């Protein structure tokens, strides 16, 4: 789904989600879809789906801007620290990942992207400026 086709609520989640993930990067630890949904104050139904869709919008922005993907900081409890398959499928569609979303290359890609996100965002303020 292209950004023009996204529901308005995705745009409304964009900045709060970006700030939450930038804070996670500064802390230096990933979070889960559920933790993000709770942090953003999302109420059922479909909270995890809404987080996932908003993360895909961030991925589009980050790739277009040449930044590490903040979405890499969000992992699934069910996948032992890896994001859901949608993360890898979206990364493939954006030209950032090639491989099997269920294979070992997915884990290696995620670890690289996670390290890059931690390094890149650790020194940025929520407004995107370098911290002093």
C-alpha atoms as a PDB file:
ATOM      1  CA  UNK A   1       0.000   0.000   0.000  1.00  0.00           C
ATOM      2  CA  UNK A   2       1.512   3.339  -1.013  1.00  0.00           C
ATOM      3  CA  UNK A   3       1.636   6.187   1.467  1.00  0.00           C
ATOM      4  CA  UNK A   4      -1.111   8.031  -0.470  1.00  0.00           C
ATOM      5  CA  UNK A   5      -3.436   5.054   0.066  1.00  0.00           C
ATOM      6  CA  UNK A   6      -2.884   4.751   3.818  1.00  0.00           C
ATOM      7  CA  UNK A   7      -5.652   5.449   6.320  1.00  0.00           C
ATOM      8  CA  UNK A   8      -5.445   8.802   8.115  1.00  0.00           C
ATOM      9  CA  UNK A   9      -4.742   7.092  11.441  1.00  0.00           C
ATOM     10  CA  UNK A  10      -1.400   5.877  10.044  1.00  0.00           C
ATOM     11  CA  UNK A  11      -0.322   9.486   9.479  1.00  0.00           C
ATOM     12  CA  UNK A  12      -1.563  10.377  12.959  1.00  0.00           C
ATOM     13  CA  UNK A  13       0.639   7.658  14.485  1.00  0.00           C
ATOM     14  CA  UNK A  14       3.715   8.632  12.491  1.00  0.00           C
ATOM     15  CA  UNK A  15       5.328  11.183  14.807  1.00  0.00           C
ATOM     16  CA  UNK A  16       4.407   9.540  18.142  1.00  0.00           C
ATOM     17  CA  UNK A  17       5.694   6.217  16.793  1.00  0.00           C
ATOM     18  CA  UNK A  18       8.916   7.789  15.494  1.00  0.00           C
ATOM     19  CA  UNK A  19       9.525   9.491  18.873  1.00  0.00           C
ATOM     20  CA  UNK A  20       8.852   6.266  20.786  1.00  0.00           C
ATOM     21  CA  UNK A  21      11.266   4.310  18.612  1.00  0.00           C
ATOM     22  CA  UNK A  22      13.936   7.008  18.769  1.00  0.00           C
ATOM     23  CA  UNK A  23      13.703   6.799  22.560  1.00  0.00           C
ATOM     24  CA  UNK A  24      14.098   3.002  22.315  1.00  0.00           C
ATOM     25  CA  UNK A  25      17.218   3.539  20.204  1.00  0.00           C
ATOM     26  CA  UNK A  26      18.667   5.876  22.829  1.00  0.00           C
ATOM     27  CA  UNK A  27      17.929   3.246  25.492  1.00  0.00           C
ATOM     28  CA  UNK A  28      19.669   0.696  23.282  1.00  0.00           C
ATOM     29  CA  UNK A  29      17.074  -2.046  23.405  1.00  0.00           C
ATOM     30  CA  UNK A  30      14.289  -3.241  21.128  1.00  0.00           C
ATOM     31  CA  UNK A  31      10.625  -3.257  22.037  1.00  0.00           C
ATOM     32  CA  UNK A  32       7.649  -5.399  21.034  1.00  0.00           C
ATOM     33  CA  UNK A  33       4.591  -4.621  18.957  1.00  0.00           C
ATOM     34  CA  UNK A  34       2.448  -4.923  22.099  1.00  0.00           C
ATOM     35  CA  UNK A  35       4.678  -2.589  24.121  1.00  0.00           C
ATOM     36  CA  UNK A  36       4.517  -0.012  21.318  1.00  0.00           C
ATOM     37  CA  UNK A  37       0.745  -0.317  21.063  1.00  0.00           C
ATOM     38  CA  UNK A  38       0.443   0.249  24.813  1.00  0.00           C
ATOM     39  CA  UNK A  39       2.918   3.137  24.754  1.00  0.00           C
ATOM     40  CA  UNK A  40       0.955   4.795  21.945  1.00  0.00           C
ATOM     41  CA  UNK A  41      -2.312   4.317  23.845  1.00  0.00           C
ATOM     42  CA  UNK A  42      -3.898   2.176  21.132  1.00  0.00           C
ATOM     43  CA  UNK A  43      -7.076   0.368  22.089  1.00  0.00           C
ATOM     44  CA  UNK A  44      -8.399  -2.857  20.539  1.00  0.00           C
ATOM     45  CA  UNK A  45      -9.320  -4.053  18.063  1.00  0.00           C
ATOM     46  CA  UNK A  46      -6.383  -4.632  15.717  1.00  0.00           C
ATOM     47  CA  UNK A  47      -3.757  -2.830  17.796  1.00  0.00           C
ATOM     48  CA  UNK A  48      -0.835  -4.937  16.561  1.00  0.00           C
ATOM     49  CA  UNK A  49      -1.988  -4.630  12.956  1.00  0.00           C
ATOM     50  CA  UNK A  50      -2.163  -0.847  13.319  1.00  0.00           C
ATOM     51  CA  UNK A  51       1.343  -0.720  14.776  1.00  0.00           C
ATOM     52  CA  UNK A  52       2.637  -2.914  11.942  1.00  0.00           C
ATOM     53  CA  UNK A  53       1.039  -0.731   9.284  1.00  0.00           C
ATOM     54  CA  UNK A  54       2.431   2.430  10.874  1.00  0.00           C
ATOM     55  CA  UNK A  55       5.877   0.807  11.068  1.00  0.00           C
ATOM     56  CA  UNK A  56       5.727   0.112   7.329  1.00  0.00           C
ATOM     57  CA  UNK A  57       5.083   3.815   6.711  1.00  0.00           C
ATOM     58  CA  UNK A  58       8.169   4.654   8.807  1.00  0.00           C
ATOM     59  CA  UNK A  59      10.182   2.137   6.807  1.00  0.00           C
ATOM     60  CA  UNK A  60       9.226   3.913   3.582  1.00  0.00           C
ATOM     61  CA  UNK A  61      10.302   7.257   5.023  1.00  0.00           C
ATOM     62  CA  UNK A  62      13.551   5.958   6.499  1.00  0.00           C
ATOM     63  CA  UNK A  63      14.615   4.170   3.317  1.00  0.00           C
ATOM     64  CA  UNK A  64      13.724   7.194   1.172  1.00  0.00           C
ATOM     65  CA  UNK A  65      15.808   9.425   3.483  1.00  0.00           C
ATOM     66  CA  UNK A  66      18.755   7.006   3.600  1.00  0.00           C
ATOM     67  CA  UNK A  67      18.344   6.361   7.327  1.00  0.00           C
ATOM     68  CA  UNK A  68      18.444   3.049   9.193  1.00  0.00           C
ATOM     69  CA  UNK A  69      14.965   1.694   9.719  1.00  0.00           C
ATOM     70  CA  UNK A  70      13.515   2.519  13.118  1.00  0.00           C
ATOM     71  CA  UNK A  71      11.063  -0.327  12.534  1.00  0.00           C
ATOM     72  CA  UNK A  72      13.944  -2.740  13.200  1.00  0.00           C
ATOM     73  CA  UNK A  73      13.605  -1.832  16.884  1.00  0.00           C
ATOM     74  CA  UNK A  74      10.212  -3.525  17.063  1.00  0.00           C
ATOM     75  CA  UNK A  75      10.229  -7.302  17.465  1.00  0.00           C
ATOM     76  CA  UNK A  76       7.669 -10.029  17.840  1.00  0.00           C
ATOM     77  CA  UNK A  77       7.559 -12.009  21.075  1.00  0.00           C
ATOM     78  CA  UNK A  78       6.612 -15.050  19.015  1.00  0.00           C
ATOM     79  CA  UNK A  79       9.691 -14.777  16.738  1.00  0.00           C
ATOM     80  CA  UNK A  80      12.430 -14.696  19.369  1.00  0.00           C
ATOM     81  CA  UNK A  81      13.431 -11.091  18.935  1.00  0.00           C
ATOM     82  CA  UNK A  82      12.828 -10.802  15.198  1.00  0.00           C
ATOM     83  CA  UNK A  83      10.230  -8.548  13.646  1.00  0.00           C
ATOM     84  CA  UNK A  84       7.231 -10.172  12.023  1.00  0.00           C
ATOM     85  CA  UNK A  85       7.504 -11.426   8.432  1.00  0.00           C
ATOM     86  CA  UNK A  86       5.844  -8.221   7.220  1.00  0.00           C
ATOM     87  CA  UNK A  87       8.992  -6.276   8.176  1.00  0.00           C
ATOM     88  CA  UNK A  88      11.089  -8.385   5.825  1.00  0.00           C
ATOM     89  CA  UNK A  89       8.501  -8.368   3.046  1.00  0.00           C
ATOM     90  CA  UNK A  90       8.272  -4.581   3.252  1.00  0.00           C
ATOM     91  CA  UNK A  91      12.071  -4.279   3.307  1.00  0.00           C
ATOM     92  CA  UNK A  92      12.142  -6.474   0.170  1.00  0.00           C
ATOM     93  CA  UNK A  93       9.578  -4.287  -1.578  1.00  0.00           C
ATOM     94  CA  UNK A  94      11.718  -1.239  -0.737  1.00  0.00           C
ATOM     95  CA  UNK A  95      14.873  -2.891  -2.105  1.00  0.00           C
ATOM     96  CA  UNK A  96      16.580  -3.074   1.299  1.00  0.00           C
ATOM     97  CA  UNK A  97      16.458  -6.854   1.815  1.00  0.00           C
ATOM     98  CA  UNK A  98      16.668  -9.869  -0.421  1.00  0.00           C
ATOM     99  CA  UNK A  99      16.225 -13.314   0.951  1.00  0.00           C
ATOM    100  CA  UNK A 100      13.814 -15.565   2.745  1.00  0.00           C
ATOM    101  CA  UNK A 101      11.865 -13.735   5.490  1.00  0.00           C
ATOM    102  CA  UNK A 102      11.962 -17.008   7.433  1.00  0.00           C
ATOM    103  CA  UNK A 103      15.603 -17.858   6.655  1.00  0.00           C
ATOM    104  CA  UNK A 104      18.912 -17.133   8.390  1.00  0.00           C
ATOM    105  CA  UNK A 105      19.530 -14.130   6.127  1.00  0.00           C
ATOM    106  CA  UNK A 106      16.508 -12.464   7.743  1.00  0.00           C
ATOM    107  CA  UNK A 107      18.128 -12.670  11.172  1.00  0.00           C
ATOM    108  CA  UNK A 108      21.448 -11.354   9.875  1.00  0.00           C
ATOM    109  CA  UNK A 109      19.717  -8.480   8.066  1.00  0.00           C
ATOM    110  CA  UNK A 110      17.730  -7.597  11.172  1.00  0.00           C
ATOM    111  CA  UNK A 111      20.824  -7.604  13.393  1.00  0.00           C
ATOM    112  CA  UNK A 112      22.666  -5.292  10.982  1.00  0.00           C
ATOM    113  CA  UNK A 113      19.700  -2.942  10.720  1.00  0.00           C
ATOM    114  CA  UNK A 114      19.219  -2.959  14.491  1.00  0.00           C
ATOM    115  CA  UNK A 115      22.894  -2.077  15.104  1.00  0.00           C
ATOM    116  CA  UNK A 116      22.738   0.702  12.509  1.00  0.00           C
ATOM    117  CA  UNK A 117      19.555   2.109  14.056  1.00  0.00           C
ATOM    118  CA  UNK A 118      21.051   2.063  17.554  1.00  0.00           C
ATOM    119  CA  UNK A 119      24.174   3.877  16.355  1.00  0.00           C
ATOM    120  CA  UNK A 120      22.382   6.384  14.144  1.00  0.00           C
ATOM    121  CA  UNK A 121      19.533   7.336  16.460  1.00  0.00           C
ATOM    122  CA  UNK A 122      21.448   7.197  19.755  1.00  0.00           C
ATOM    123  CA  UNK A 123      22.734  10.741  19.252  1.00  0.00           C
ATOM    124  CA  UNK A 124      19.662  12.327  17.673  1.00  0.00           C
ATOM    125  CA  UNK A 125      17.073  14.388  19.508  1.00  0.00           C
ATOM    126  CA  UNK A 126      13.376  13.637  18.871  1.00  0.00           C
ATOM    127  CA  UNK A 127      13.375  16.504  16.346  1.00  0.00           C
ATOM    128  CA  UNK A 128      16.074  14.678  14.366  1.00  0.00           C
ATOM    129  CA  UNK A 129      18.964  16.994  15.270  1.00  0.00           C
ATOM    130  CA  UNK A 130      22.305  15.882  16.671  1.00  0.00           C
ATOM    131  CA  UNK A 131      22.364  15.999  20.463  1.00  0.00           C
ATOM    132  CA  UNK A 132      25.050  18.187  21.972  1.00  0.00           C
END
